[in-house]
Amino acid sequence: MRPLGESKHADSSSHVYRSLNGNYSTYSGTEEDVNNGKISNRVFDSQNMPKNATLPQDELNKFKRDEDSSNSQN
């Protein structure tokens, strides 16, 4: 997920410490929102992440595979 997130997030200030959008500048900040489904909800349901961008289907598929792999390890 990290390379995809970094390549699609032009505004690195969107997800920093104390951001309302979540702190994705650290593994632990990102991990919490992966585990609780917040990132998945924003990518697949609300479709507001990444902001001002649309992910092609192949990238959505990669994201979903990574998410499923991460969830199976918990």
C-alpha atoms as a PDB file:
ATOM      1  CA  MET A   1       0.000   0.000   0.000  1.00  0.00           C
ATOM      2  CA  ARG A   2       2.788   2.399   0.841  1.00  0.00           C
ATOM      3  CA  PRO A   3       4.166   2.904  -2.701  1.00  0.00           C
ATOM      4  CA  LEU A   4       0.647   3.446  -3.993  1.00  0.00           C
ATOM      5  CA  GLY A   5      -0.150   5.925  -1.250  1.00  0.00           C
ATOM      6  CA  GLU A   6       3.069   7.837  -1.752  1.00  0.00           C
ATOM      7  CA  SER A   7       2.673   8.011  -5.519  1.00  0.00           C
ATOM      8  CA  LYS A   8      -0.916   9.299  -5.326  1.00  0.00           C
ATOM      9  CA  HIS A   9      -0.579  11.769  -2.471  1.00  0.00           C
ATOM     10  CA  ALA A  10       0.763  15.007  -3.873  1.00  0.00           C
ATOM     11  CA  ASP A  11      -0.019  16.877  -0.664  1.00  0.00           C
ATOM     12  CA  SER A  12       2.020  15.225   2.068  1.00  0.00           C
ATOM     13  CA  SER A  13       0.454  17.524   4.672  1.00  0.00           C
ATOM     14  CA  SER A  14      -2.875  15.679   4.287  1.00  0.00           C
ATOM     15  CA  HIS A  15      -1.860  12.882   6.649  1.00  0.00           C
ATOM     16  CA  VAL A  16       0.530  14.136   9.283  1.00  0.00           C
ATOM     17  CA  TYR A  17       0.527  14.206  13.077  1.00  0.00           C
ATOM     18  CA  ARG A  18      -2.813  15.511  14.425  1.00  0.00           C
ATOM     19  CA  SER A  19      -4.380  15.641  10.977  1.00  0.00           C
ATOM     20  CA  LEU A  20      -8.141  15.121  10.876  1.00  0.00           C
ATOM     21  CA  ASN A  21      -7.530  12.790   7.920  1.00  0.00           C
ATOM     22  CA  GLY A  22      -5.359  10.408   9.946  1.00  0.00           C
ATOM     23  CA  ASN A  23      -1.636  10.243  10.653  1.00  0.00           C
ATOM     24  CA  TYR A  24      -0.170   8.191   7.833  1.00  0.00           C
ATOM     25  CA  SER A  25       3.363   9.511   8.248  1.00  0.00           C
ATOM     26  CA  THR A  26       4.140   6.525  10.496  1.00  0.00           C
ATOM     27  CA  TYR A  27       3.483   2.817  10.235  1.00  0.00           C
ATOM     28  CA  SER A  28       1.498   2.734  13.473  1.00  0.00           C
ATOM     29  CA  GLY A  29      -0.746   5.605  12.373  1.00  0.00           C
ATOM     30  CA  THR A  30      -1.462   3.897   9.089  1.00  0.00           C
ATOM     31  CA  GLU A  31      -1.828   0.428  10.609  1.00  0.00           C
ATOM     32  CA  GLU A  32      -4.651   1.524  12.915  1.00  0.00           C
ATOM     33  CA  ASP A  33      -6.748   2.832  10.019  1.00  0.00           C
ATOM     34  CA  VAL A  34      -5.996  -0.220   7.873  1.00  0.00           C
ATOM     35  CA  ASN A  35      -7.103  -2.517  10.704  1.00  0.00           C
ATOM     36  CA  ASN A  36     -10.268  -0.596  11.550  1.00  0.00           C
ATOM     37  CA  GLY A  37     -11.336  -0.302   7.894  1.00  0.00           C
ATOM     38  CA  LYS A  38     -11.141   3.501   7.675  1.00  0.00           C
ATOM     39  CA  ILE A  39      -8.766   3.511   4.698  1.00  0.00           C
ATOM     40  CA  SER A  40     -10.740   0.860   2.847  1.00  0.00           C
ATOM     41  CA  ASN A  41     -13.943   2.786   3.411  1.00  0.00           C
ATOM     42  CA  ARG A  42     -12.431   5.992   2.031  1.00  0.00           C
ATOM     43  CA  VAL A  43     -10.873   4.264  -0.996  1.00  0.00           C
ATOM     44  CA  PHE A  44     -13.716   1.934  -1.977  1.00  0.00           C
ATOM     45  CA  ASP A  45     -16.942   3.262  -0.433  1.00  0.00           C
ATOM     46  CA  SER A  46     -16.625   7.041  -0.081  1.00  0.00           C
ATOM     47  CA  GLN A  47     -14.105   7.177  -2.941  1.00  0.00           C
ATOM     48  CA  ASN A  48     -12.554  10.339  -1.493  1.00  0.00           C
ATOM     49  CA  MET A  49      -9.056   8.968  -1.100  1.00  0.00           C
ATOM     50  CA  PRO A  50      -6.796   9.891  -2.725  1.00  0.00           C
ATOM     51  CA  LYS A  51      -8.158  13.413  -2.739  1.00  0.00           C
ATOM     52  CA  ASN A  52      -8.813  14.854  -6.203  1.00  0.00           C
ATOM     53  CA  ALA A  53      -7.753  11.640  -7.949  1.00  0.00           C
ATOM     54  CA  THR A  54      -9.211   8.433  -9.278  1.00  0.00           C
ATOM     55  CA  LEU A  55      -7.370   5.156  -8.963  1.00  0.00           C
ATOM     56  CA  PRO A  56      -7.319   2.932 -12.043  1.00  0.00           C
ATOM     57  CA  GLN A  57      -8.814  -0.523 -11.553  1.00  0.00           C
ATOM     58  CA  ASP A  58      -5.414  -2.253 -11.522  1.00  0.00           C
ATOM     59  CA  GLU A  59      -4.296  -0.038  -8.621  1.00  0.00           C
ATOM     60  CA  LEU A  60      -7.563  -0.650  -6.778  1.00  0.00           C
ATOM     61  CA  ASN A  61      -6.966  -4.388  -7.239  1.00  0.00           C
ATOM     62  CA  LYS A  62      -3.414  -4.072  -5.832  1.00  0.00           C
ATOM     63  CA  PHE A  63      -4.704  -2.070  -2.889  1.00  0.00           C
ATOM     64  CA  LYS A  64      -7.387  -4.667  -2.165  1.00  0.00           C
ATOM     65  CA  ARG A  65      -4.861  -7.538  -2.351  1.00  0.00           C
ATOM     66  CA  ASP A  66      -2.526  -5.711   0.040  1.00  0.00           C
ATOM     67  CA  GLU A  67      -5.396  -4.966   2.395  1.00  0.00           C
ATOM     68  CA  ASP A  68      -6.599  -8.575   2.341  1.00  0.00           C
ATOM     69  CA  SER A  69      -3.053  -9.790   2.995  1.00  0.00           C
ATOM     70  CA  SER A  70      -2.653  -7.365   5.889  1.00  0.00           C
ATOM     71  CA  ASN A  71      -5.973  -8.376   7.424  1.00  0.00           C
ATOM     72  CA  SER A  72      -5.167 -12.091   7.177  1.00  0.00           C
ATOM     73  CA  GLN A  73      -1.983 -11.522   9.206  1.00  0.00           C
ATOM     74  CA  ASN A  74      -3.916  -9.980  12.128  1.00  0.00           C
END
